[in-house]
Amino acid sequence: MIILITGASHTGKTLLAQKLLKKYQYPYLSIDLLKMGLIRSGNTNLTAEDDSELEVYLWPIVREVIKTAIENKQNLVIEGCYIPFNWKEDFSEVYLNEIHYHCLVMSENYIKQHFSDIKKYANQIETRIDDTWCTINSVLEDNAHYLKMCKQYDCNYILIDEYYPEEIDL
């Protein structure tokens, strides 16, 4: 089984992947770690700020990792924001039966009520060197975009509304 976890920045993708690692003992791949490895090694001229271009660059690699894991009957959690909303188009039914996609989306209500907590827990798993770009408006905009795209592409999403759940059952 392959579990894909995506969502806007600061939604808890990496934290959820860590919890799944502990619960199921499935290895996980952070697309952000892959991104930084490719950038730091000089295998791309893209920078960490080139989100749209990074998705185009990283997705073919991640897609083939998924296929290889399925073909080898391996379980894997993959988390990151570089999973396109039309991801299903890249897989036949045989592969799709083995992939579970979950997009974490925070509601407008949740963001407005808990923005200080969102910022407070931003470094719970990853160390964010510069998080000044993360404002309530950017978080509202990003999550609204993810919700809209999930609905448009009929992607499974987990709406975080009144509170952030301690456990997310997948």
C-alpha atoms as a PDB file:
ATOM      1  CA  MET A   1       0.000   0.000   0.000  1.00  0.00           C
ATOM      2  CA  ILE A   2       1.148   3.512  -0.840  1.00  0.00           C
ATOM      3  CA  ILE A   3      -0.169   6.381   1.260  1.00  0.00           C
ATOM      4  CA  LEU A   4       0.148   9.828  -0.288  1.00  0.00           C
ATOM      5  CA  ILE A   5      -0.185  12.793   2.057  1.00  0.00           C
ATOM      6  CA  THR A   6      -0.329  16.262   0.616  1.00  0.00           C
ATOM      7  CA  GLY A   7      -1.672  19.666   1.532  1.00  0.00           C
ATOM      8  CA  ALA A   8      -0.633  23.261   1.881  1.00  0.00           C
ATOM      9  CA  SER A   9       2.358  24.251   3.954  1.00  0.00           C
ATOM     10  CA  HIS A  10       1.850  24.053   7.740  1.00  0.00           C
ATOM     11  CA  THR A  11      -1.043  21.556   7.601  1.00  0.00           C
ATOM     12  CA  GLY A  12       0.845  18.769   9.398  1.00  0.00           C
ATOM     13  CA  LYS A  13       1.858  16.480   6.515  1.00  0.00           C
ATOM     14  CA  THR A  14       5.215  15.538   8.013  1.00  0.00           C
ATOM     15  CA  LEU A  15       3.768  15.073  11.483  1.00  0.00           C
ATOM     16  CA  LEU A  16       1.114  12.718  10.091  1.00  0.00           C
ATOM     17  CA  ALA A  17       3.775  10.781   8.159  1.00  0.00           C
ATOM     18  CA  GLN A  18       5.789  10.386  11.369  1.00  0.00           C
ATOM     19  CA  LYS A  19       2.711   9.083  13.196  1.00  0.00           C
ATOM     20  CA  LEU A  20       2.024   6.586  10.410  1.00  0.00           C
ATOM     21  CA  LEU A  21       5.632   5.437  10.549  1.00  0.00           C
ATOM     22  CA  LYS A  22       5.218   4.661  14.236  1.00  0.00           C
ATOM     23  CA  LYS A  23       1.755   3.121  13.876  1.00  0.00           C
ATOM     24  CA  TYR A  24       2.262   0.939  10.787  1.00  0.00           C
ATOM     25  CA  GLN A  25       6.058   0.810  10.621  1.00  0.00           C
ATOM     26  CA  TYR A  26       5.879   1.826   6.956  1.00  0.00           C
ATOM     27  CA  PRO A  27       8.885   3.753   5.702  1.00  0.00           C
ATOM     28  CA  TYR A  28       8.191   7.216   4.418  1.00  0.00           C
ATOM     29  CA  LEU A  29       9.637   9.557   1.860  1.00  0.00           C
ATOM     30  CA  SER A  30       9.515  13.293   2.379  1.00  0.00           C
ATOM     31  CA  ILE A  31       9.348  15.024  -0.990  1.00  0.00           C
ATOM     32  CA  ASP A  32      10.878  18.091   0.704  1.00  0.00           C
ATOM     33  CA  LEU A  33      13.967  16.072   1.612  1.00  0.00           C
ATOM     34  CA  LEU A  34      14.208  14.811  -1.966  1.00  0.00           C
ATOM     35  CA  LYS A  35      13.803  18.399  -3.200  1.00  0.00           C
ATOM     36  CA  MET A  36      16.573  19.737  -0.987  1.00  0.00           C
ATOM     37  CA  GLY A  37      18.881  16.847  -1.888  1.00  0.00           C
ATOM     38  CA  LEU A  38      18.462  17.591  -5.590  1.00  0.00           C
ATOM     39  CA  ILE A  39      18.904  21.348  -5.065  1.00  0.00           C
ATOM     40  CA  ARG A  40      21.932  21.070  -2.758  1.00  0.00           C
ATOM     41  CA  SER A  41      23.631  18.469  -4.968  1.00  0.00           C
ATOM     42  CA  GLY A  42      23.366  20.764  -7.976  1.00  0.00           C
ATOM     43  CA  ASN A  43      21.134  18.353  -9.903  1.00  0.00           C
ATOM     44  CA  THR A  44      18.760  21.219 -10.602  1.00  0.00           C
ATOM     45  CA  ASN A  45      19.019  24.995 -10.870  1.00  0.00           C
ATOM     46  CA  LEU A  46      15.631  25.369  -9.198  1.00  0.00           C
ATOM     47  CA  THR A  47      15.412  26.904  -5.742  1.00  0.00           C
ATOM     48  CA  ALA A  48      13.216  26.040  -2.769  1.00  0.00           C
ATOM     49  CA  GLU A  49      10.916  28.923  -3.762  1.00  0.00           C
ATOM     50  CA  ASP A  50      10.170  27.559  -7.264  1.00  0.00           C
ATOM     51  CA  ASP A  51       7.094  25.576  -6.198  1.00  0.00           C
ATOM     52  CA  SER A  52       5.336  25.171  -9.559  1.00  0.00           C
ATOM     53  CA  GLU A  53       8.513  24.209 -11.377  1.00  0.00           C
ATOM     54  CA  LEU A  54       9.515  21.856  -8.551  1.00  0.00           C
ATOM     55  CA  GLU A  55       6.242  19.949  -8.853  1.00  0.00           C
ATOM     56  CA  VAL A  56       6.893  19.421 -12.572  1.00  0.00           C
ATOM     57  CA  TYR A  57      10.481  18.360 -11.819  1.00  0.00           C
ATOM     58  CA  LEU A  58       9.824  16.132  -8.787  1.00  0.00           C
ATOM     59  CA  TRP A  59       6.542  14.421  -9.663  1.00  0.00           C
ATOM     60  CA  PRO A  60       7.954  12.155 -12.426  1.00  0.00           C
ATOM     61  CA  ILE A  61      10.563  10.894  -9.949  1.00  0.00           C
ATOM     62  CA  VAL A  62       8.036  10.352  -7.159  1.00  0.00           C
ATOM     63  CA  ARG A  63       5.570   8.748  -9.580  1.00  0.00           C
ATOM     64  CA  GLU A  64       8.146   6.141 -10.600  1.00  0.00           C
ATOM     65  CA  VAL A  65       9.108   5.504  -6.961  1.00  0.00           C
ATOM     66  CA  ILE A  66       5.419   4.757  -6.319  1.00  0.00           C
ATOM     67  CA  LYS A  67       5.216   2.348  -9.263  1.00  0.00           C
ATOM     68  CA  THR A  68       8.403   0.581  -8.196  1.00  0.00           C
ATOM     69  CA  ALA A  69       7.192   0.200  -4.606  1.00  0.00           C
ATOM     70  CA  ILE A  70       3.869  -1.238  -5.776  1.00  0.00           C
ATOM     71  CA  GLU A  71       5.554  -3.628  -8.194  1.00  0.00           C
ATOM     72  CA  ASN A  72       7.768  -4.833  -5.348  1.00  0.00           C
ATOM     73  CA  LYS A  73       4.791  -5.135  -2.975  1.00  0.00           C
ATOM     74  CA  GLN A  74       6.303  -2.603  -0.578  1.00  0.00           C
ATOM     75  CA  ASN A  75       4.398  -0.267   1.706  1.00  0.00           C
ATOM     76  CA  LEU A  76       5.396   3.378   1.648  1.00  0.00           C
ATOM     77  CA  VAL A  77       4.162   6.736   2.921  1.00  0.00           C
ATOM     78  CA  ILE A  78       5.030   9.695   0.710  1.00  0.00           C
ATOM     79  CA  GLU A  79       4.363  13.193   1.960  1.00  0.00           C
ATOM     80  CA  GLY A  80       4.793  16.596   0.446  1.00  0.00           C
ATOM     81  CA  CYS A  81       3.114  19.384  -1.417  1.00  0.00           C
ATOM     82  CA  TYR A  82       4.519  18.458  -4.836  1.00  0.00           C
ATOM     83  CA  ILE A  83       1.833  15.933  -5.744  1.00  0.00           C
ATOM     84  CA  PRO A  84      -0.292  17.245  -8.622  1.00  0.00           C
ATOM     85  CA  PHE A  85      -4.059  17.169  -8.230  1.00  0.00           C
ATOM     86  CA  ASN A  86      -4.377  15.171 -11.452  1.00  0.00           C
ATOM     87  CA  TRP A  87      -2.024  12.487 -10.089  1.00  0.00           C
ATOM     88  CA  LYS A  88      -4.492   9.684 -10.870  1.00  0.00           C
ATOM     89  CA  GLU A  89      -3.961  10.197 -14.610  1.00  0.00           C
ATOM     90  CA  ASP A  90      -0.441   8.772 -14.275  1.00  0.00           C
ATOM     91  CA  PHE A  91      -1.524   5.350 -13.022  1.00  0.00           C
ATOM     92  CA  SER A  92      -3.459   2.404 -14.378  1.00  0.00           C
ATOM     93  CA  GLU A  93      -6.223   0.835 -12.288  1.00  0.00           C
ATOM     94  CA  VAL A  94      -3.808  -1.819 -11.011  1.00  0.00           C
ATOM     95  CA  TYR A  95      -1.649   0.884  -9.409  1.00  0.00           C
ATOM     96  CA  LEU A  96      -4.577   3.037  -8.283  1.00  0.00           C
ATOM     97  CA  ASN A  97      -5.938   0.132  -6.223  1.00  0.00           C
ATOM     98  CA  GLU A  98      -2.759   0.278  -4.109  1.00  0.00           C
ATOM     99  CA  ILE A  99      -2.640   4.064  -3.595  1.00  0.00           C
ATOM    100  CA  HIS A 100      -4.447   5.945  -0.824  1.00  0.00           C
ATOM    101  CA  TYR A 101      -4.370   9.727  -1.296  1.00  0.00           C
ATOM    102  CA  HIS A 102      -5.119  12.171   1.499  1.00  0.00           C
ATOM    103  CA  CYS A 103      -4.914  15.946   1.299  1.00  0.00           C
ATOM    104  CA  LEU A 104      -4.874  17.867   4.581  1.00  0.00           C
ATOM    105  CA  VAL A 105      -6.886  21.082   4.362  1.00  0.00           C
ATOM    106  CA  MET A 106      -7.519  23.584   7.132  1.00  0.00           C
ATOM    107  CA  SER A 107     -10.837  25.408   7.036  1.00  0.00           C
ATOM    108  CA  GLU A 108     -11.043  29.182   7.057  1.00  0.00           C
ATOM    109  CA  ASN A 109     -12.633  28.945  10.506  1.00  0.00           C
ATOM    110  CA  TYR A 110      -9.816  26.765  11.847  1.00  0.00           C
ATOM    111  CA  ILE A 111      -7.106  29.052  10.482  1.00  0.00           C
ATOM    112  CA  LYS A 112      -8.707  32.193  11.899  1.00  0.00           C
ATOM    113  CA  GLN A 113      -9.245  30.586  15.310  1.00  0.00           C
ATOM    114  CA  HIS A 114      -5.871  28.807  15.548  1.00  0.00           C
ATOM    115  CA  PHE A 115      -3.328  30.751  13.500  1.00  0.00           C
ATOM    116  CA  SER A 116      -1.073  31.276  16.515  1.00  0.00           C
ATOM    117  CA  ASP A 117      -1.040  27.490  17.056  1.00  0.00           C
ATOM    118  CA  ILE A 118      -0.264  26.900  13.364  1.00  0.00           C
ATOM    119  CA  LYS A 119       2.801  29.125  13.708  1.00  0.00           C
ATOM    120  CA  LYS A 120       3.680  27.674  17.122  1.00  0.00           C
ATOM    121  CA  TYR A 121       3.782  24.076  15.851  1.00  0.00           C
ATOM    122  CA  ALA A 122       5.454  24.857  12.508  1.00  0.00           C
ATOM    123  CA  ASN A 123       8.778  23.497  13.784  1.00  0.00           C
ATOM    124  CA  GLN A 124       7.433  20.424  15.541  1.00  0.00           C
ATOM    125  CA  ILE A 125       9.061  18.020  13.055  1.00  0.00           C
ATOM    126  CA  GLU A 126      11.024  20.209  10.634  1.00  0.00           C
ATOM    127  CA  THR A 127      13.175  23.194  11.485  1.00  0.00           C
ATOM    128  CA  ARG A 128      11.997  26.130   9.445  1.00  0.00           C
ATOM    129  CA  ILE A 129      14.852  28.590   9.090  1.00  0.00           C
ATOM    130  CA  ASP A 130      12.707  31.473   7.833  1.00  0.00           C
ATOM    131  CA  ASP A 131       8.964  31.291   8.373  1.00  0.00           C
ATOM    132  CA  THR A 132       8.241  35.021   8.074  1.00  0.00           C
ATOM    133  CA  TRP A 133       6.467  34.492   4.751  1.00  0.00           C
ATOM    134  CA  CYS A 134       3.777  32.480   6.567  1.00  0.00           C
ATOM    135  CA  THR A 135       0.971  34.911   7.334  1.00  0.00           C
ATOM    136  CA  ILE A 136      -2.670  34.321   8.128  1.00  0.00           C
ATOM    137  CA  ASN A 137      -3.536  35.537   4.627  1.00  0.00           C
ATOM    138  CA  SER A 138      -1.062  33.196   2.916  1.00  0.00           C
ATOM    139  CA  VAL A 139      -2.346  30.219   4.929  1.00  0.00           C
ATOM    140  CA  LEU A 140      -5.969  31.113   4.157  1.00  0.00           C
ATOM    141  CA  GLU A 141      -5.187  31.488   0.459  1.00  0.00           C
ATOM    142  CA  ASP A 142      -3.157  28.259   0.223  1.00  0.00           C
ATOM    143  CA  ASN A 143      -5.753  26.140   2.004  1.00  0.00           C
ATOM    144  CA  ALA A 144      -8.619  27.618  -0.034  1.00  0.00           C
ATOM    145  CA  HIS A 145      -6.669  26.707  -3.180  1.00  0.00           C
ATOM    146  CA  TYR A 146      -6.081  23.116  -2.001  1.00  0.00           C
ATOM    147  CA  LEU A 147      -9.756  22.681  -1.103  1.00  0.00           C
ATOM    148  CA  LYS A 148     -10.893  24.055  -4.456  1.00  0.00           C
ATOM    149  CA  MET A 149      -8.486  21.821  -6.378  1.00  0.00           C
ATOM    150  CA  CYS A 150      -9.396  18.719  -4.359  1.00  0.00           C
ATOM    151  CA  LYS A 151     -13.032  19.291  -5.213  1.00  0.00           C
ATOM    152  CA  GLN A 152     -12.249  20.010  -8.861  1.00  0.00           C
ATOM    153  CA  TYR A 153     -10.169  16.837  -9.273  1.00  0.00           C
ATOM    154  CA  ASP A 154     -12.275  14.676  -6.945  1.00  0.00           C
ATOM    155  CA  CYS A 155      -9.338  14.104  -4.592  1.00  0.00           C
ATOM    156  CA  ASN A 156      -9.819  12.768  -1.096  1.00  0.00           C
ATOM    157  CA  TYR A 157      -9.248  15.429   1.548  1.00  0.00           C
ATOM    158  CA  ILE A 158      -9.354  15.650   5.316  1.00  0.00           C
ATOM    159  CA  LEU A 159     -10.902  18.920   6.448  1.00  0.00           C
ATOM    160  CA  ILE A 160      -9.435  20.241   9.680  1.00  0.00           C
ATOM    161  CA  ASP A 161     -12.169  22.480  11.039  1.00  0.00           C
ATOM    162  CA  GLU A 162     -12.947  22.991  14.712  1.00  0.00           C
ATOM    163  CA  TYR A 163      -9.856  21.314  16.151  1.00  0.00           C
ATOM    164  CA  TYR A 164      -6.749  19.539  14.915  1.00  0.00           C
ATOM    165  CA  PRO A 165      -7.358  15.812  15.427  1.00  0.00           C
ATOM    166  CA  GLU A 166      -4.839  13.904  17.544  1.00  0.00           C
ATOM    167  CA  GLU A 167      -5.282  10.860  15.322  1.00  0.00           C
ATOM    168  CA  ILE A 168      -6.203  10.790  11.676  1.00  0.00           C
ATOM    169  CA  ASP A 169      -7.473   7.413  10.546  1.00  0.00           C
ATOM    170  CA  LEU A 170      -6.581   6.610   6.983  1.00  0.00           C
END
